[in-house]
Amino acid sequence: MVKGIDCIISGKNLDHKFILWIYQNANAFGLKGITFFKNDGSIKIVAEGEERNLNRFINKVNRGPYFFAFFSPVEVFSVTWHEPKNEFEDFSISETTE
């Protein structure tokens, strides 16, 4: 079943390398959506896809990438589920902030 999520991630050392890692994982799980930095430095993710793939994506992003060997930069991770809006053709990184 196709679902949608909105995620907010905040923490230390959230940089462009981290957001690129989010993008790569979203594509690996076949998700559509967008991610970007908010004005406060946190990251927002809006994604749609199969519920199973969204759950796998959420678990991976919440743990953080391997290149932060002994610690995750993720301090706060929130997820809101919603019905898909089917507004995305692929997954992208935006320069737009909110």
N, C-alpha and C. Protein backbone atom coordinates (compact mmCIF):
# COMPACT_ATOMS: atom_id res chain seq x y z
N MET A 1 0.83 -1.17 0.00
CA MET A 1 0.00 0.00 0.00
C MET A 1 0.89 1.25 0.00
N VAL A 2 0.57 2.20 -0.84
CA VAL A 2 1.34 3.44 -0.95
C VAL A 2 0.90 4.40 0.15
N LYS A 3 1.88 4.96 0.84
CA LYS A 3 1.66 5.91 1.92
C LYS A 3 2.58 7.11 1.75
N GLY A 4 2.41 8.10 2.60
CA GLY A 4 3.28 9.26 2.60
C GLY A 4 3.77 9.57 4.00
N ILE A 5 4.94 10.18 4.09
CA ILE A 5 5.49 10.60 5.38
C ILE A 5 6.07 12.01 5.27
N ASP A 6 6.04 12.71 6.38
CA ASP A 6 6.78 13.95 6.57
C ASP A 6 7.71 13.69 7.75
N CYS A 7 8.99 13.93 7.57
CA CYS A 7 9.97 13.74 8.64
C CYS A 7 10.69 15.05 8.90
N ILE A 8 11.00 15.26 10.16
CA ILE A 8 11.86 16.36 10.57
C ILE A 8 13.02 15.75 11.33
N ILE A 9 14.24 16.14 10.94
CA ILE A 9 15.45 15.64 11.57
C ILE A 9 16.23 16.84 12.07
N SER A 10 16.63 16.78 13.33
CA SER A 10 17.53 17.82 13.83
C SER A 10 18.65 17.15 14.61
N GLY A 11 19.77 17.85 14.68
CA GLY A 11 20.93 17.32 15.37
C GLY A 11 22.18 18.09 15.00
N LYS A 12 23.31 17.56 15.41
CA LYS A 12 24.60 18.19 15.14
C LYS A 12 25.20 17.63 13.86
N ASN A 13 25.92 18.46 13.14
CA ASN A 13 26.65 18.05 11.94
C ASN A 13 25.74 17.57 10.81
N LEU A 14 24.55 18.10 10.73
CA LEU A 14 23.69 17.79 9.59
C LEU A 14 24.13 18.70 8.45
N ASP A 15 24.78 18.11 7.45
CA ASP A 15 25.34 18.90 6.37
C ASP A 15 24.88 18.36 5.02
N HIS A 16 25.46 18.87 3.96
CA HIS A 16 25.06 18.45 2.61
C HIS A 16 25.40 16.99 2.35
N LYS A 17 26.43 16.47 3.00
CA LYS A 17 26.76 15.06 2.85
C LYS A 17 25.64 14.19 3.43
N PHE A 18 25.07 14.64 4.54
CA PHE A 18 23.97 13.91 5.17
C PHE A 18 22.72 13.94 4.28
N ILE A 19 22.42 15.10 3.72
CA ILE A 19 21.22 15.21 2.89
C ILE A 19 21.40 14.42 1.58
N LEU A 20 22.61 14.35 1.07
CA LEU A 20 22.88 13.52 -0.10
C LEU A 20 22.67 12.05 0.24
N TRP A 21 23.08 11.64 1.42
CA TRP A 21 22.88 10.26 1.88
C TRP A 21 21.38 9.94 1.97
N ILE A 22 20.56 10.89 2.45
CA ILE A 22 19.11 10.72 2.49
C ILE A 22 18.58 10.50 1.08
N TYR A 23 19.01 11.35 0.16
CA TYR A 23 18.60 11.26 -1.25
C TYR A 23 18.93 9.88 -1.83
N GLN A 24 20.15 9.41 -1.60
CA GLN A 24 20.57 8.12 -2.14
C GLN A 24 19.73 6.98 -1.57
N ASN A 25 19.42 7.04 -0.29
CA ASN A 25 18.61 5.99 0.32
C ASN A 25 17.17 6.04 -0.15
N ALA A 26 16.62 7.22 -0.30
CA ALA A 26 15.26 7.35 -0.81
C ALA A 26 15.15 6.72 -2.19
N ASN A 27 16.14 6.99 -3.04
CA ASN A 27 16.13 6.39 -4.37
C ASN A 27 16.32 4.88 -4.32
N ALA A 28 17.17 4.40 -3.42
CA ALA A 28 17.40 2.96 -3.28
C ALA A 28 16.12 2.23 -2.85
N PHE A 29 15.28 2.89 -2.07
CA PHE A 29 14.02 2.29 -1.63
C PHE A 29 12.86 2.60 -2.57
N GLY A 30 13.13 3.27 -3.68
CA GLY A 30 12.11 3.55 -4.68
C GLY A 30 11.09 4.58 -4.25
N LEU A 31 11.51 5.53 -3.43
CA LEU A 31 10.59 6.55 -2.94
C LEU A 31 10.57 7.77 -3.84
N LYS A 32 9.47 8.49 -3.77
CA LYS A 32 9.33 9.77 -4.47
C LYS A 32 9.15 10.84 -3.41
N GLY A 33 9.68 12.03 -3.67
CA GLY A 33 9.50 13.11 -2.71
C GLY A 33 10.58 14.15 -2.81
N ILE A 34 10.86 14.79 -1.68
CA ILE A 34 11.82 15.89 -1.65
C ILE A 34 12.42 15.99 -0.25
N THR A 35 13.64 16.50 -0.18
CA THR A 35 14.28 16.80 1.09
C THR A 35 14.99 18.13 0.98
N PHE A 36 15.05 18.84 2.10
CA PHE A 36 15.70 20.15 2.10
C PHE A 36 16.01 20.59 3.52
N PHE A 37 16.91 21.58 3.64
CA PHE A 37 17.22 22.19 4.92
C PHE A 37 16.18 23.25 5.22
N LYS A 38 15.70 23.25 6.45
CA LYS A 38 14.81 24.30 6.91
C LYS A 38 15.67 25.46 7.43
N ASN A 39 15.06 26.62 7.62
CA ASN A 39 15.78 27.80 8.08
C ASN A 39 16.48 27.58 9.42
N ASP A 40 15.97 26.71 10.26
CA ASP A 40 16.56 26.47 11.57
C ASP A 40 17.70 25.44 11.54
N GLY A 41 18.05 24.95 10.34
CA GLY A 41 19.14 23.98 10.20
C GLY A 41 18.70 22.54 10.24
N SER A 42 17.45 22.29 10.57
CA SER A 42 16.94 20.92 10.55
C SER A 42 16.66 20.50 9.10
N ILE A 43 16.39 19.24 8.91
CA ILE A 43 16.11 18.70 7.59
C ILE A 43 14.67 18.22 7.54
N LYS A 44 14.00 18.54 6.46
CA LYS A 44 12.63 18.04 6.24
C LYS A 44 12.67 17.05 5.08
N ILE A 45 11.94 15.97 5.25
CA ILE A 45 11.77 14.97 4.19
C ILE A 45 10.28 14.78 3.97
N VAL A 46 9.85 14.87 2.74
CA VAL A 46 8.50 14.50 2.35
C VAL A 46 8.68 13.36 1.36
N ALA A 47 8.13 12.19 1.69
CA ALA A 47 8.35 11.03 0.83
C ALA A 47 7.07 10.21 0.70
N GLU A 48 6.96 9.55 -0.45
CA GLU A 48 5.84 8.65 -0.72
C GLU A 48 6.37 7.37 -1.34
N GLY A 49 5.72 6.28 -1.01
CA GLY A 49 6.11 4.99 -1.56
C GLY A 49 5.40 3.86 -0.85
N GLU A 50 5.82 2.65 -1.14
CA GLU A 50 5.24 1.49 -0.48
C GLU A 50 5.53 1.58 1.02
N GLU A 51 4.53 1.26 1.82
CA GLU A 51 4.66 1.38 3.27
C GLU A 51 5.87 0.60 3.80
N ARG A 52 6.10 -0.58 3.28
CA ARG A 52 7.25 -1.40 3.70
C ARG A 52 8.56 -0.66 3.44
N ASN A 53 8.69 -0.05 2.27
CA ASN A 53 9.91 0.68 1.93
C ASN A 53 10.06 1.95 2.75
N LEU A 54 8.95 2.62 3.04
CA LEU A 54 9.01 3.81 3.90
C LEU A 54 9.49 3.44 5.30
N ASN A 55 9.00 2.33 5.85
CA ASN A 55 9.44 1.88 7.17
C ASN A 55 10.93 1.57 7.18
N ARG A 56 11.42 0.91 6.15
CA ARG A 56 12.84 0.60 6.05
C ARG A 56 13.67 1.88 5.95
N PHE A 57 13.20 2.82 5.15
CA PHE A 57 13.86 4.12 4.99
C PHE A 57 13.91 4.88 6.33
N ILE A 58 12.78 4.93 7.03
CA ILE A 58 12.71 5.60 8.33
C ILE A 58 13.72 5.01 9.30
N ASN A 59 13.77 3.70 9.38
CA ASN A 59 14.71 3.04 10.30
C ASN A 59 16.15 3.37 9.96
N LYS A 60 16.47 3.38 8.68
CA LYS A 60 17.84 3.68 8.27
C LYS A 60 18.22 5.12 8.55
N VAL A 61 17.35 6.05 8.19
CA VAL A 61 17.64 7.47 8.39
C VAL A 61 17.73 7.80 9.88
N ASN A 62 16.88 7.19 10.69
CA ASN A 62 16.91 7.45 12.12
C ASN A 62 18.22 6.99 12.75
N ARG A 63 18.84 5.93 12.25
CA ARG A 63 20.13 5.45 12.76
C ARG A 63 21.28 6.33 12.28
N GLY A 64 21.11 6.96 11.12
CA GLY A 64 22.18 7.79 10.57
C GLY A 64 23.12 6.98 9.70
N PRO A 65 23.93 7.68 8.92
CA PRO A 65 24.83 7.02 7.97
C PRO A 65 26.07 6.42 8.62
N TYR A 66 26.65 5.46 7.92
CA TYR A 66 27.84 4.76 8.41
C TYR A 66 29.04 5.67 8.57
N PHE A 67 29.11 6.78 7.82
CA PHE A 67 30.30 7.61 7.88
C PHE A 67 30.38 8.41 9.19
N PHE A 68 29.38 8.30 10.04
CA PHE A 68 29.45 8.85 11.39
C PHE A 68 29.70 7.69 12.35
N ALA A 69 30.78 6.99 12.16
CA ALA A 69 31.13 5.71 12.76
C ALA A 69 30.56 5.43 14.15
N PHE A 70 30.84 6.26 15.13
CA PHE A 70 30.48 5.91 16.50
C PHE A 70 29.31 6.69 17.07
N PHE A 71 28.80 7.64 16.32
CA PHE A 71 27.66 8.41 16.81
C PHE A 71 26.80 8.82 15.64
N SER A 72 25.55 9.01 15.93
CA SER A 72 24.63 9.51 14.91
C SER A 72 24.41 10.99 15.14
N PRO A 73 24.40 11.78 14.09
CA PRO A 73 24.12 13.20 14.26
C PRO A 73 22.65 13.48 14.54
N VAL A 74 21.80 12.46 14.41
CA VAL A 74 20.37 12.63 14.60
C VAL A 74 20.05 12.69 16.10
N GLU A 75 19.52 13.82 16.53
CA GLU A 75 19.12 13.98 17.93
C GLU A 75 17.61 13.91 18.08
N VAL A 76 16.89 14.50 17.13
CA VAL A 76 15.42 14.47 17.14
C VAL A 76 14.96 13.99 15.77
N PHE A 77 14.08 13.01 15.77
CA PHE A 77 13.56 12.46 14.53
C PHE A 77 12.07 12.26 14.70
N SER A 78 11.28 12.99 13.93
CA SER A 78 9.83 12.84 14.02
C SER A 78 9.26 12.45 12.66
N VAL A 79 8.23 11.63 12.70
CA VAL A 79 7.58 11.15 11.48
C VAL A 79 6.08 11.33 11.61
N THR A 80 5.47 11.88 10.58
CA THR A 80 4.02 11.98 10.48
C THR A 80 3.59 11.25 9.22
N TRP A 81 2.70 10.30 9.38
CA TRP A 81 2.18 9.54 8.24
C TRP A 81 0.95 10.24 7.66
N HIS A 82 0.77 10.13 6.34
CA HIS A 82 -0.40 10.71 5.68
C HIS A 82 -0.69 9.94 4.40
N GLU A 83 -1.84 10.20 3.85
CA GLU A 83 -2.19 9.61 2.56
C GLU A 83 -1.32 10.27 1.48
N PRO A 84 -0.90 9.50 0.49
CA PRO A 84 -0.06 10.08 -0.56
C PRO A 84 -0.83 11.12 -1.39
N LYS A 85 -0.10 12.14 -1.81
CA LYS A 85 -0.70 13.19 -2.64
C LYS A 85 -0.34 13.01 -4.11
N ASN A 86 0.58 12.08 -4.38
CA ASN A 86 1.02 11.79 -5.75
C ASN A 86 1.48 13.04 -6.49
N GLU A 87 2.23 13.89 -5.80
CA GLU A 87 2.69 15.14 -6.42
C GLU A 87 4.13 15.10 -6.89
N PHE A 88 4.83 13.96 -6.69
CA PHE A 88 6.24 13.85 -7.05
C PHE A 88 6.46 12.81 -8.14
N GLU A 89 7.37 13.11 -9.04
CA GLU A 89 7.74 12.15 -10.09
C GLU A 89 8.96 11.34 -9.70
N ASP A 90 9.80 11.91 -8.82
CA ASP A 90 11.02 11.24 -8.37
C ASP A 90 11.38 11.81 -7.00
N PHE A 91 12.58 11.51 -6.51
CA PHE A 91 13.03 12.08 -5.24
C PHE A 91 14.11 13.10 -5.55
N SER A 92 14.02 14.26 -4.90
CA SER A 92 14.98 15.32 -5.20
C SER A 92 15.42 16.05 -3.93
N ILE A 93 16.50 16.79 -4.09
CA ILE A 93 17.00 17.69 -3.06
C ILE A 93 16.66 19.10 -3.52
N SER A 94 16.08 19.88 -2.63
CA SER A 94 15.72 21.25 -2.98
C SER A 94 16.57 22.23 -2.20
N GLU A 95 16.83 23.36 -2.81
CA GLU A 95 17.52 24.45 -2.12
C GLU A 95 16.53 25.30 -1.35
N THR A 96 15.26 25.06 -1.56
CA THR A 96 14.21 25.81 -0.91
C THR A 96 14.19 25.49 0.58
N THR A 97 14.03 26.50 1.39
CA THR A 97 13.90 26.30 2.83
C THR A 97 12.51 26.66 3.27
N GLU A 98 12.18 26.23 4.44
CA GLU A 98 10.83 26.46 4.96
C GLU A 98 10.92 27.18 6.27
